[in-house]
Amino acid sequence: MRPVIIIIKITIQGVQDIEKRELSGSISIKSMKKVGKALDMKFVYGFVSNHHSLEKFIELKARELAEKMVVKKSNAITENIVMSADEVQQEIEDIAREIRREIPKSLWD
């Protein structure tokens, strides 16, 4: 395999400026694309979940929404119906499962 030589038409000051703007979060996507082009690379960006996976995040959000729905439902009931802690948890799990299956728009509110 032959070594690859890349010539970048940018000054040392330009590189330092890019590094500073990157660290401060003020560099533009346009600038990053220019750097990528100079390196004969494609600049890509995205999001990485803090919850190890998107599925875990959806699980968490679905449970939070289900809990809110069960609380709201229990506050709306005017009858003297008492649910055990196990019944409440089962209700939350059932609703959360349905939310994960359907992934409604309200999940992201």
PDB file of N, CA and C in Angstrom:
ATOM      1  N   MET A   1       0.834  -1.172   0.000  1.00  0.00           N
ATOM      2  CA  MET A   1       0.000   0.000   0.000  1.00  0.00           C
ATOM      3  C   MET A   1       0.886   1.244   0.000  1.00  0.00           C
ATOM      4  N   ARG A   2       0.580   2.195  -0.863  1.00  0.00           N
ATOM      5  CA  ARG A   2       1.382   3.411  -0.959  1.00  0.00           C
ATOM      6  C   ARG A   2       0.888   4.452   0.040  1.00  0.00           C
ATOM      7  N   PRO A   3       1.802   5.253   0.584  1.00  0.00           N
ATOM      8  CA  PRO A   3       1.366   6.312   1.504  1.00  0.00           C
ATOM      9  C   PRO A   3       0.543   7.356   0.761  1.00  0.00           C
ATOM     10  N   VAL A   4      -0.402   7.924   1.472  1.00  0.00           N
ATOM     11  CA  VAL A   4      -1.271   8.940   0.897  1.00  0.00           C
ATOM     12  C   VAL A   4      -0.809  10.306   1.388  1.00  0.00           C
ATOM     13  N   ILE A   5      -0.639  11.210   0.463  1.00  0.00           N
ATOM     14  CA  ILE A   5      -0.244  12.564   0.822  1.00  0.00           C
ATOM     15  C   ILE A   5      -1.421  13.479   0.531  1.00  0.00           C
ATOM     16  N   ILE A   6      -1.838  14.223   1.541  1.00  0.00           N
ATOM     17  CA  ILE A   6      -2.962  15.133   1.395  1.00  0.00           C
ATOM     18  C   ILE A   6      -2.441  16.556   1.564  1.00  0.00           C
ATOM     19  N   ILE A   7      -2.744  17.376   0.609  1.00  0.00           N
ATOM     20  CA  ILE A   7      -2.356  18.775   0.700  1.00  0.00           C
ATOM     21  C   ILE A   7      -3.590  19.575   1.083  1.00  0.00           C
ATOM     22  N   ILE A   8      -3.502  20.244   2.203  1.00  0.00           N
ATOM     23  CA  ILE A   8      -4.622  21.032   2.691  1.00  0.00           C
ATOM     24  C   ILE A   8      -4.275  22.506   2.509  1.00  0.00           C
ATOM     25  N   LYS A   9      -5.141  23.200   1.825  1.00  0.00           N
ATOM     26  CA  LYS A   9      -4.911  24.622   1.572  1.00  0.00           C
ATOM     27  C   LYS A   9      -5.537  25.437   2.699  1.00  0.00           C
ATOM     28  N   ILE A  10      -4.875  25.405   3.841  1.00  0.00           N
ATOM     29  CA  ILE A  10      -5.352  26.150   5.001  1.00  0.00           C
ATOM     30  C   ILE A  10      -4.135  26.521   5.840  1.00  0.00           C
ATOM     31  N   THR A  11      -4.156  27.683   6.419  1.00  0.00           N
ATOM     32  CA  THR A  11      -3.022  28.150   7.220  1.00  0.00           C
ATOM     33  C   THR A  11      -3.087  27.563   8.624  1.00  0.00           C
ATOM     34  N   ILE A  12      -1.971  27.628   9.316  1.00  0.00           N
ATOM     35  CA  ILE A  12      -1.932  27.175  10.707  1.00  0.00           C
ATOM     36  C   ILE A  12      -2.916  27.993  11.535  1.00  0.00           C
ATOM     37  N   GLN A  13      -2.970  29.299  11.270  1.00  0.00           N
ATOM     38  CA  GLN A  13      -3.926  30.169  11.975  1.00  0.00           C
ATOM     39  C   GLN A  13      -5.354  29.704  11.701  1.00  0.00           C
ATOM     40  N   GLY A  14      -5.628  29.300  10.458  1.00  0.00           N
ATOM     41  CA  GLY A  14      -6.961  28.809  10.094  1.00  0.00           C
ATOM     42  C   GLY A  14      -7.323  27.552  10.861  1.00  0.00           C
ATOM     43  N   VAL A  15      -6.363  26.650  11.010  1.00  0.00           N
ATOM     44  CA  VAL A  15      -6.587  25.408  11.768  1.00  0.00           C
ATOM     45  C   VAL A  15      -6.855  25.736  13.230  1.00  0.00           C
ATOM     46  N   GLN A  16      -6.055  26.644  13.791  1.00  0.00           N
ATOM     47  CA  GLN A  16      -6.244  27.029  15.195  1.00  0.00           C
ATOM     48  C   GLN A  16      -7.610  27.679  15.400  1.00  0.00           C
ATOM     49  N   ASP A  17      -8.039  28.491  14.437  1.00  0.00           N
ATOM     50  CA  ASP A  17      -9.352  29.135  14.517  1.00  0.00           C
ATOM     51  C   ASP A  17     -10.462  28.086  14.502  1.00  0.00           C
ATOM     52  N   ILE A  18     -10.340  27.105  13.616  1.00  0.00           N
ATOM     53  CA  ILE A  18     -11.339  26.032  13.536  1.00  0.00           C
ATOM     54  C   ILE A  18     -11.393  25.267  14.850  1.00  0.00           C
ATOM     55  N   GLU A  19     -10.231  24.932  15.414  1.00  0.00           N
ATOM     56  CA  GLU A  19     -10.177  24.211  16.683  1.00  0.00           C
ATOM     57  C   GLU A  19     -10.844  25.001  17.811  1.00  0.00           C
ATOM     58  N   LYS A  20     -10.562  26.317  17.880  1.00  0.00           N
ATOM     59  CA  LYS A  20     -11.169  27.163  18.913  1.00  0.00           C
ATOM     60  C   LYS A  20     -12.685  27.208  18.764  1.00  0.00           C
ATOM     61  N   ARG A  21     -13.143  27.390  17.527  1.00  0.00           N
ATOM     62  CA  ARG A  21     -14.594  27.467  17.285  1.00  0.00           C
ATOM     63  C   ARG A  21     -15.269  26.128  17.547  1.00  0.00           C
ATOM     64  N   GLU A  22     -14.555  25.051  17.275  1.00  0.00           N
ATOM     65  CA  GLU A  22     -15.117  23.727  17.564  1.00  0.00           C
ATOM     66  C   GLU A  22     -15.286  23.538  19.069  1.00  0.00           C
ATOM     67  N   LEU A  23     -14.272  23.897  19.836  1.00  0.00           N
ATOM     68  CA  LEU A  23     -14.328  23.758  21.292  1.00  0.00           C
ATOM     69  C   LEU A  23     -15.422  24.624  21.909  1.00  0.00           C
ATOM     70  N   SER A  24     -15.598  25.827  21.362  1.00  0.00           N
ATOM     71  CA  SER A  24     -16.611  26.727  21.921  1.00  0.00           C
ATOM     72  C   SER A  24     -18.012  26.400  21.400  1.00  0.00           C
ATOM     73  N   GLY A  25     -18.088  25.522  20.400  1.00  0.00           N
ATOM     74  CA  GLY A  25     -19.383  25.152  19.843  1.00  0.00           C
ATOM     75  C   GLY A  25     -19.910  26.152  18.832  1.00  0.00           C
ATOM     76  N   SER A  26     -19.049  27.038  18.355  1.00  0.00           N
ATOM     77  CA  SER A  26     -19.525  28.082  17.448  1.00  0.00           C
ATOM     78  C   SER A  26     -19.158  27.834  15.982  1.00  0.00           C
ATOM     79  N   ILE A  27     -18.542  26.700  15.698  1.00  0.00           N
ATOM     80  CA  ILE A  27     -18.178  26.410  14.305  1.00  0.00           C
ATOM     81  C   ILE A  27     -19.429  25.998  13.535  1.00  0.00           C
ATOM     82  N   SER A  28     -19.496  26.409  12.309  1.00  0.00           N
ATOM     83  CA  SER A  28     -20.685  26.097  11.510  1.00  0.00           C
ATOM     84  C   SER A  28     -20.524  24.765  10.789  1.00  0.00           C
ATOM     85  N   ILE A  29     -21.640  24.202  10.434  1.00  0.00           N
ATOM     86  CA  ILE A  29     -21.625  22.969   9.649  1.00  0.00           C
ATOM     87  C   ILE A  29     -20.944  23.228   8.313  1.00  0.00           C
ATOM     88  N   LYS A  30     -21.183  24.398   7.767  1.00  0.00           N
ATOM     89  CA  LYS A  30     -20.568  24.773   6.489  1.00  0.00           C
ATOM     90  C   LYS A  30     -19.043  24.721   6.606  1.00  0.00           C
ATOM     91  N   SER A  31     -18.502  25.244   7.693  1.00  0.00           N
ATOM     92  CA  SER A  31     -17.051  25.222   7.896  1.00  0.00           C
ATOM     93  C   SER A  31     -16.534  23.795   8.033  1.00  0.00           C
ATOM     94  N   MET A  32     -17.267  22.974   8.762  1.00  0.00           N
ATOM     95  CA  MET A  32     -16.850  21.584   8.933  1.00  0.00           C
ATOM     96  C   MET A  32     -16.873  20.838   7.597  1.00  0.00           C
ATOM     97  N   LYS A  33     -17.851  21.154   6.757  1.00  0.00           N
ATOM     98  CA  LYS A  33     -17.913  20.530   5.429  1.00  0.00           C
ATOM     99  C   LYS A  33     -16.708  20.938   4.592  1.00  0.00           C
ATOM    100  N   LYS A  34     -16.283  22.204   4.718  1.00  0.00           N
ATOM    101  CA  LYS A  34     -15.097  22.677   3.986  1.00  0.00           C
ATOM    102  C   LYS A  34     -13.848  21.919   4.432  1.00  0.00           C
ATOM    103  N   VAL A  35     -13.715  21.730   5.747  1.00  0.00           N
ATOM    104  CA  VAL A  35     -12.571  20.983   6.273  1.00  0.00           C
ATOM    105  C   VAL A  35     -12.618  19.551   5.740  1.00  0.00           C
ATOM    106  N   GLY A  36     -13.795  18.948   5.783  1.00  0.00           N
ATOM    107  CA  GLY A  36     -13.952  17.592   5.261  1.00  0.00           C
ATOM    108  C   GLY A  36     -13.570  17.500   3.793  1.00  0.00           C
ATOM    109  N   LYS A  37     -14.002  18.473   3.027  1.00  0.00           N
ATOM    110  CA  LYS A  37     -13.692  18.490   1.591  1.00  0.00           C
ATOM    111  C   LYS A  37     -12.184  18.609   1.384  1.00  0.00           C
ATOM    112  N   ALA A  38     -11.530  19.460   2.172  1.00  0.00           N
ATOM    113  CA  ALA A  38     -10.082  19.617   2.070  1.00  0.00           C
ATOM    114  C   ALA A  38      -9.353  18.319   2.391  1.00  0.00           C
ATOM    115  N   LEU A  39      -9.951  17.513   3.260  1.00  0.00           N
ATOM    116  CA  LEU A  39      -9.356  16.222   3.641  1.00  0.00           C
ATOM    117  C   LEU A  39      -9.856  15.082   2.757  1.00  0.00           C
ATOM    118  N   ASP A  40     -10.655  15.423   1.732  1.00  0.00           N
ATOM    119  CA  ASP A  40     -11.272  14.427   0.855  1.00  0.00           C
ATOM    120  C   ASP A  40     -12.126  13.452   1.670  1.00  0.00           C
ATOM    121  N   MET A  41     -12.888  14.045   2.594  1.00  0.00           N
ATOM    122  CA  MET A  41     -13.775  13.275   3.463  1.00  0.00           C
ATOM    123  C   MET A  41     -15.153  13.915   3.452  1.00  0.00           C
ATOM    124  N   LYS A  42     -16.129  13.157   3.850  1.00  0.00           N
ATOM    125  CA  LYS A  42     -17.488  13.669   3.979  1.00  0.00           C
ATOM    126  C   LYS A  42     -17.731  13.955   5.464  1.00  0.00           C
ATOM    127  N   PHE A  43     -18.199  15.139   5.765  1.00  0.00           N
ATOM    128  CA  PHE A  43     -18.521  15.498   7.147  1.00  0.00           C
ATOM    129  C   PHE A  43     -19.907  14.961   7.480  1.00  0.00           C
ATOM    130  N   VAL A  44     -20.023  14.245   8.583  1.00  0.00           N
ATOM    131  CA  VAL A  44     -21.315  13.728   9.038  1.00  0.00           C
ATOM    132  C   VAL A  44     -21.499  14.121  10.498  1.00  0.00           C
ATOM    133  N   TYR A  45     -22.739  14.271  10.902  1.00  0.00           N
ATOM    134  CA  TYR A  45     -23.039  14.570  12.294  1.00  0.00           C
ATOM    135  C   TYR A  45     -24.340  13.886  12.663  1.00  0.00           C
ATOM    136  N   GLY A  46     -24.557  13.730  13.947  1.00  0.00           N
ATOM    137  CA  GLY A  46     -25.764  13.035  14.390  1.00  0.00           C
ATOM    138  C   GLY A  46     -25.945  13.173  15.889  1.00  0.00           C
ATOM    139  N   PHE A  47     -26.856  12.388  16.383  1.00  0.00           N
ATOM    140  CA  PHE A  47     -27.170  12.392  17.806  1.00  0.00           C
ATOM    141  C   PHE A  47     -26.850  11.026  18.401  1.00  0.00           C
ATOM    142  N   VAL A  48     -26.322  11.021  19.607  1.00  0.00           N
ATOM    143  CA  VAL A  48     -26.024   9.794  20.328  1.00  0.00           C
ATOM    144  C   VAL A  48     -26.813   9.842  21.626  1.00  0.00           C
ATOM    145  N   SER A  49     -27.585   8.813  21.872  1.00  0.00           N
ATOM    146  CA  SER A  49     -28.442   8.773  23.054  1.00  0.00           C
ATOM    147  C   SER A  49     -27.628   8.726  24.344  1.00  0.00           C
ATOM    148  N   ASN A  50     -28.095   9.422  25.349  1.00  0.00           N
ATOM    149  CA  ASN A  50     -27.509   9.344  26.693  1.00  0.00           C
ATOM    150  C   ASN A  50     -27.989   8.102  27.431  1.00  0.00           C
ATOM    151  N   HIS A  51     -28.879   7.360  26.791  1.00  0.00           N
ATOM    152  CA  HIS A  51     -29.498   6.204  27.438  1.00  0.00           C
ATOM    153  C   HIS A  51     -29.024   4.894  26.818  1.00  0.00           C
ATOM    154  N   HIS A  52     -27.865   4.888  26.194  1.00  0.00           N
ATOM    155  CA  HIS A  52     -27.230   3.719  25.593  1.00  0.00           C
ATOM    156  C   HIS A  52     -27.902   3.246  24.312  1.00  0.00           C
ATOM    157  N   SER A  53     -29.169   3.540  24.129  1.00  0.00           N
ATOM    158  CA  SER A  53     -29.834   3.179  22.880  1.00  0.00           C
ATOM    159  C   SER A  53     -31.131   3.959  22.760  1.00  0.00           C
ATOM    160  N   LEU A  54     -31.595   4.090  21.545  1.00  0.00           N
ATOM    161  CA  LEU A  54     -32.866   4.764  21.310  1.00  0.00           C
ATOM    162  C   LEU A  54     -34.006   3.978  21.950  1.00  0.00           C
ATOM    163  N   GLU A  55     -33.901   2.653  21.920  1.00  0.00           N
ATOM    164  CA  GLU A  55     -34.940   1.807  22.521  1.00  0.00           C
ATOM    165  C   GLU A  55     -35.086   2.074  24.017  1.00  0.00           C
ATOM    166  N   LYS A  56     -33.941   2.203  24.709  1.00  0.00           N
ATOM    167  CA  LYS A  56     -33.985   2.498  26.154  1.00  0.00           C
ATOM    168  C   LYS A  56     -34.615   3.864  26.412  1.00  0.00           C
ATOM    169  N   PHE A  57     -34.289   4.832  25.553  1.00  0.00           N
ATOM    170  CA  PHE A  57     -34.858   6.171  25.700  1.00  0.00           C
ATOM    171  C   PHE A  57     -36.369   6.130  25.492  1.00  0.00           C
ATOM    172  N   ILE A  58     -36.818   5.415  24.482  1.00  0.00           N
ATOM    173  CA  ILE A  58     -38.256   5.290  24.221  1.00  0.00           C
ATOM    174  C   ILE A  58     -38.941   4.596  25.389  1.00  0.00           C
ATOM    175  N   GLU A  59     -38.299   3.581  25.938  1.00  0.00           N
ATOM    176  CA  GLU A  59     -38.837   2.878  27.108  1.00  0.00           C
ATOM    177  C   GLU A  59     -39.039   3.850  28.276  1.00  0.00           C
ATOM    178  N   LEU A  60     -38.015   4.663  28.535  1.00  0.00           N
ATOM    179  CA  LEU A  60     -38.076   5.638  29.623  1.00  0.00           C
ATOM    180  C   LEU A  60     -39.188   6.656  29.395  1.00  0.00           C
ATOM    181  N   LYS A  61     -39.231   7.236  28.184  1.00  0.00           N
ATOM    182  CA  LYS A  61     -40.254   8.233  27.864  1.00  0.00           C
ATOM    183  C   LYS A  61     -41.653   7.624  27.923  1.00  0.00           C
ATOM    184  N   ALA A  62     -41.812   6.386  27.451  1.00  0.00           N
ATOM    185  CA  ALA A  62     -43.117   5.719  27.479  1.00  0.00           C
ATOM    186  C   ALA A  62     -43.576   5.512  28.916  1.00  0.00           C
ATOM    187  N   ARG A  63     -42.668   5.124  29.782  1.00  0.00           N
ATOM    188  CA  ARG A  63     -43.022   4.915  31.191  1.00  0.00           C
ATOM    189  C   ARG A  63     -43.416   6.236  31.849  1.00  0.00           C
ATOM    190  N   GLU A  64     -42.659   7.300  31.567  1.00  0.00           N
ATOM    191  CA  GLU A  64     -42.988   8.612  32.131  1.00  0.00           C
ATOM    192  C   GLU A  64     -44.380   9.059  31.686  1.00  0.00           C
ATOM    193  N   LEU A  65     -44.665   8.897  30.404  1.00  0.00           N
ATOM    194  CA  LEU A  65     -45.966   9.287  29.871  1.00  0.00           C
ATOM    195  C   LEU A  65     -47.071   8.423  30.467  1.00  0.00           C
ATOM    196  N   ALA A  66     -46.816   7.129  30.591  1.00  0.00           N
ATOM    197  CA  ALA A  66     -47.809   6.217  31.165  1.00  0.00           C
ATOM    198  C   ALA A  66     -48.112   6.597  32.615  1.00  0.00           C
ATOM    199  N   GLU A  67     -47.090   6.940  33.367  1.00  0.00           N
ATOM    200  CA  GLU A  67     -47.292   7.345  34.766  1.00  0.00           C
ATOM    201  C   GLU A  67     -48.158   8.595  34.842  1.00  0.00           C
ATOM    202  N   LYS A  68     -47.883   9.564  33.969  1.00  0.00           N
ATOM    203  CA  LYS A  68     -48.694  10.789  33.944  1.00  0.00           C
ATOM    204  C   LYS A  68     -50.143  10.465  33.598  1.00  0.00           C
ATOM    205  N   MET A  69     -50.328   9.566  32.650  1.00  0.00           N
ATOM    206  CA  MET A  69     -51.684   9.208  32.222  1.00  0.00           C
ATOM    207  C   MET A  69     -52.453   8.502  33.344  1.00  0.00           C
ATOM    208  N   VAL A  70     -51.770   7.630  34.079  1.00  0.00           N
ATOM    209  CA  VAL A  70     -52.425   6.906  35.180  1.00  0.00           C
ATOM    210  C   VAL A  70     -52.777   7.875  36.304  1.00  0.00           C
ATOM    211  N   VAL A  71     -51.896   8.807  36.607  1.00  0.00           N
ATOM    212  CA  VAL A  71     -52.186   9.811  37.642  1.00  0.00           C
ATOM    213  C   VAL A  71     -53.371  10.666  37.217  1.00  0.00           C
ATOM    214  N   LYS A  72     -53.352  11.116  35.966  1.00  0.00           N
ATOM    215  CA  LYS A  72     -54.454  11.942  35.459  1.00  0.00           C
ATOM    216  C   LYS A  72     -55.773  11.169  35.493  1.00  0.00           C
ATOM    217  N   LYS A  73     -55.709   9.905  35.095  1.00  0.00           N
ATOM    218  CA  LYS A  73     -56.905   9.052  35.095  1.00  0.00           C
ATOM    219  C   LYS A  73     -57.432   8.860  36.521  1.00  0.00           C
ATOM    220  N   SER A  74     -56.516   8.624  37.469  1.00  0.00           N
ATOM    221  CA  SER A  74     -56.951   8.403  38.847  1.00  0.00           C
ATOM    222  C   SER A  74     -57.527   9.677  39.455  1.00  0.00           C
ATOM    223  N   ASN A  75     -57.028  10.845  39.039  1.00  0.00           N
ATOM    224  CA  ASN A  75     -57.566  12.112  39.525  1.00  0.00           C
ATOM    225  C   ASN A  75     -58.938  12.402  38.930  1.00  0.00           C
ATOM    226  N   ALA A  76     -59.180  11.877  37.743  1.00  0.00           N
ATOM    227  CA  ALA A  76     -60.454  12.126  37.065  1.00  0.00           C
ATOM    228  C   ALA A  76     -61.573  11.213  37.569  1.00  0.00           C
ATOM    229  N   ILE A  77     -61.215  10.097  38.188  1.00  0.00           N
ATOM    230  CA  ILE A  77     -62.228   9.158  38.672  1.00  0.00           C
ATOM    231  C   ILE A  77     -62.890   9.737  39.914  1.00  0.00           C
ATOM    232  N   THR A  78     -64.206   9.844  39.847  1.00  0.00           N
ATOM    233  CA  THR A  78     -64.933  10.418  40.976  1.00  0.00           C
ATOM    234  C   THR A  78     -65.472   9.344  41.911  1.00  0.00           C
ATOM    235  N   GLU A  79     -65.458   8.119  41.441  1.00  0.00           N
ATOM    236  CA  GLU A  79     -65.945   7.026  42.289  1.00  0.00           C
ATOM    237  C   GLU A  79     -64.894   6.674  43.335  1.00  0.00           C
ATOM    238  N   ASN A  80     -65.275   5.960  44.324  1.00  0.00           N
ATOM    239  CA  ASN A  80     -64.356   5.548  45.378  1.00  0.00           C
ATOM    240  C   ASN A  80     -63.686   4.232  45.002  1.00  0.00           C
ATOM    241  N   ILE A  81     -62.939   4.265  43.924  1.00  0.00           N
ATOM    242  CA  ILE A  81     -62.233   3.071  43.466  1.00  0.00           C
ATOM    243  C   ILE A  81     -60.809   3.160  43.974  1.00  0.00           C
ATOM    244  N   VAL A  82     -60.385   2.130  44.635  1.00  0.00           N
ATOM    245  CA  VAL A  82     -59.036   2.093  45.170  1.00  0.00           C
ATOM    246  C   VAL A  82     -58.279   0.979  44.456  1.00  0.00           C
ATOM    247  N   MET A  83     -57.154   1.342  43.885  1.00  0.00           N
ATOM    248  CA  MET A  83     -56.325   0.350  43.215  1.00  0.00           C
ATOM    249  C   MET A  83     -55.121   0.054  44.103  1.00  0.00           C
ATOM    250  N   SER A  84     -54.716  -1.193  44.131  1.00  0.00           N
ATOM    251  CA  SER A  84     -53.526  -1.558  44.894  1.00  0.00           C
ATOM    252  C   SER A  84     -52.294  -1.060  44.143  1.00  0.00           C
ATOM    253  N   ALA A  85     -51.186  -1.029  44.832  1.00  0.00           N
ATOM    254  CA  ALA A  85     -49.927  -0.599  44.204  1.00  0.00           C
ATOM    255  C   ALA A  85     -49.585  -1.507  43.023  1.00  0.00           C
ATOM    256  N   ASP A  86     -49.844  -2.798  43.163  1.00  0.00           N
ATOM    257  CA  ASP A  86     -49.586  -3.747  42.072  1.00  0.00           C
ATOM    258  C   ASP A  86     -50.468  -3.457  40.867  1.00  0.00           C
ATOM    259  N   GLU A  87     -51.727  -3.107  41.125  1.00  0.00           N
ATOM    260  CA  GLU A  87     -52.642  -2.788  40.028  1.00  0.00           C
ATOM    261  C   GLU A  87     -52.209  -1.504  39.310  1.00  0.00           C
ATOM    262  N   VAL A  88     -51.769  -0.546  40.075  1.00  0.00           N
ATOM    263  CA  VAL A  88     -51.290   0.710  39.485  1.00  0.00           C
ATOM    264  C   VAL A  88     -50.068   0.437  38.613  1.00  0.00           C
ATOM    265  N   GLN A  89     -49.126  -0.338  39.133  1.00  0.00           N
ATOM    266  CA  GLN A  89     -47.924  -0.675  38.362  1.00  0.00           C
ATOM    267  C   GLN A  89     -48.271  -1.452  37.094  1.00  0.00           C
ATOM    268  N   GLN A  90     -49.234  -2.366  37.205  1.00  0.00           N
ATOM    269  CA  GLN A  90     -49.655  -3.136  36.035  1.00  0.00           C
ATOM    270  C   GLN A  90     -50.296  -2.219  34.989  1.00  0.00           C
ATOM    271  N   GLU A  91     -51.092  -1.270  35.452  1.00  0.00           N
ATOM    272  CA  GLU A  91     -51.725  -0.300  34.552  1.00  0.00           C
ATOM    273  C   GLU A  91     -50.658   0.538  33.833  1.00  0.00           C
ATOM    274  N   ILE A  92     -49.662   0.967  34.588  1.00  0.00           N
ATOM    275  CA  ILE A  92     -48.565   1.746  33.998  1.00  0.00           C
ATOM    276  C   ILE A  92     -47.824   0.915  32.955  1.00  0.00           C
ATOM    277  N   GLU A  93     -47.513  -0.329  33.294  1.00  0.00           N
ATOM    278  CA  GLU A  93     -46.799  -1.202  32.355  1.00  0.00           C
ATOM    279  C   GLU A  93     -47.619  -1.451  31.087  1.00  0.00           C
ATOM    280  N   ASP A  94     -48.927  -1.674  31.238  1.00  0.00           N
ATOM    281  CA  ASP A  94     -49.793  -1.912  30.077  1.00  0.00           C
ATOM    282  C   ASP A  94     -49.820  -0.695  29.155  1.00  0.00           C
ATOM    283  N   ILE A  95     -49.972   0.487  29.747  1.00  0.00           N
ATOM    284  CA  ILE A  95     -50.021   1.713  28.949  1.00  0.00           C
ATOM    285  C   ILE A  95     -48.657   1.980  28.305  1.00  0.00           C
ATOM    286  N   ALA A  96     -47.583   1.783  29.066  1.00  0.00           N
ATOM    287  CA  ALA A  96     -46.230   2.003  28.526  1.00  0.00           C
ATOM    288  C   ALA A  96     -45.964   1.062  27.347  1.00  0.00           C
ATOM    289  N   ARG A  97     -46.393  -0.177  27.458  1.00  0.00           N
ATOM    290  CA  ARG A  97     -46.225  -1.148  26.371  1.00  0.00           C
ATOM    291  C   ARG A  97     -46.959  -0.678  25.117  1.00  0.00           C
ATOM    292  N   GLU A  98     -48.163  -0.178  25.293  1.00  0.00           N
ATOM    293  CA  GLU A  98     -48.959   0.336  24.169  1.00  0.00           C
ATOM    294  C   GLU A  98     -48.283   1.566  23.548  1.00  0.00           C
ATOM    295  N   ILE A  99     -47.764   2.430  24.390  1.00  0.00           N
ATOM    296  CA  ILE A  99     -47.074   3.627  23.900  1.00  0.00           C
ATOM    297  C   ILE A  99     -45.836   3.228  23.099  1.00  0.00           C
ATOM    298  N   ARG A 100     -45.045   2.271  23.609  1.00  0.00           N
ATOM    299  CA  ARG A 100     -43.849   1.824  22.885  1.00  0.00           C
ATOM    300  C   ARG A 100     -44.211   1.197  21.546  1.00  0.00           C
ATOM    301  N   ARG A 101     -45.336   0.545  21.488  1.00  0.00           N
ATOM    302  CA  ARG A 101     -45.770  -0.107  20.252  1.00  0.00           C
ATOM    303  C   ARG A 101     -46.198   0.927  19.212  1.00  0.00           C
ATOM    304  N   GLU A 102     -46.925   1.951  19.652  1.00  0.00           N
ATOM    305  CA  GLU A 102     -47.474   2.935  18.734  1.00  0.00           C
ATOM    306  C   GLU A 102     -46.580   4.171  18.532  1.00  0.00           C
ATOM    307  N   ILE A 103     -45.750   4.487  19.513  1.00  0.00           N
ATOM    308  CA  ILE A 103     -44.898   5.682  19.526  1.00  0.00           C
ATOM    309  C   ILE A 103     -45.677   6.922  19.039  1.00  0.00           C
ATOM    310  N   PRO A 104     -46.614   7.370  19.864  1.00  0.00           N
ATOM    311  CA  PRO A 104     -47.409   8.543  19.479  1.00  0.00           C
ATOM    312  C   PRO A 104     -46.586   9.831  19.530  1.00  0.00           C
ATOM    313  N   LYS A 105     -47.062  10.835  18.836  1.00  0.00           N
ATOM    314  CA  LYS A 105     -46.391  12.143  18.808  1.00  0.00           C
ATOM    315  C   LYS A 105     -46.241  12.705  20.231  1.00  0.00           C
ATOM    316  N   SER A 106     -47.208  12.458  21.087  1.00  0.00           N
ATOM    317  CA  SER A 106     -47.182  12.988  22.454  1.00  0.00           C
ATOM    318  C   SER A 106     -46.000  12.452  23.259  1.00  0.00           C
ATOM    319  N   LEU A 107     -45.375  11.390  22.804  1.00  0.00           N
ATOM    320  CA  LEU A 107     -44.213  10.834  23.506  1.00  0.00           C
ATOM    321  C   LEU A 107     -43.071  11.848  23.538  1.00  0.00           C
ATOM    322  N   TRP A 108     -42.982  12.731  22.545  1.00  0.00           N
ATOM    323  CA  TRP A 108     -41.877  13.665  22.428  1.00  0.00           C
ATOM    324  C   TRP A 108     -42.195  15.031  23.018  1.00  0.00           C
ATOM    325  N   ASP A 109     -43.395  15.215  23.555  1.00  0.00           N
ATOM    326  CA  ASP A 109     -43.770  16.499  24.146  1.00  0.00           C
ATOM    327  C   ASP A 109     -43.127  16.677  25.508  1.00  0.00           C
TER     328      ASP A 109
END
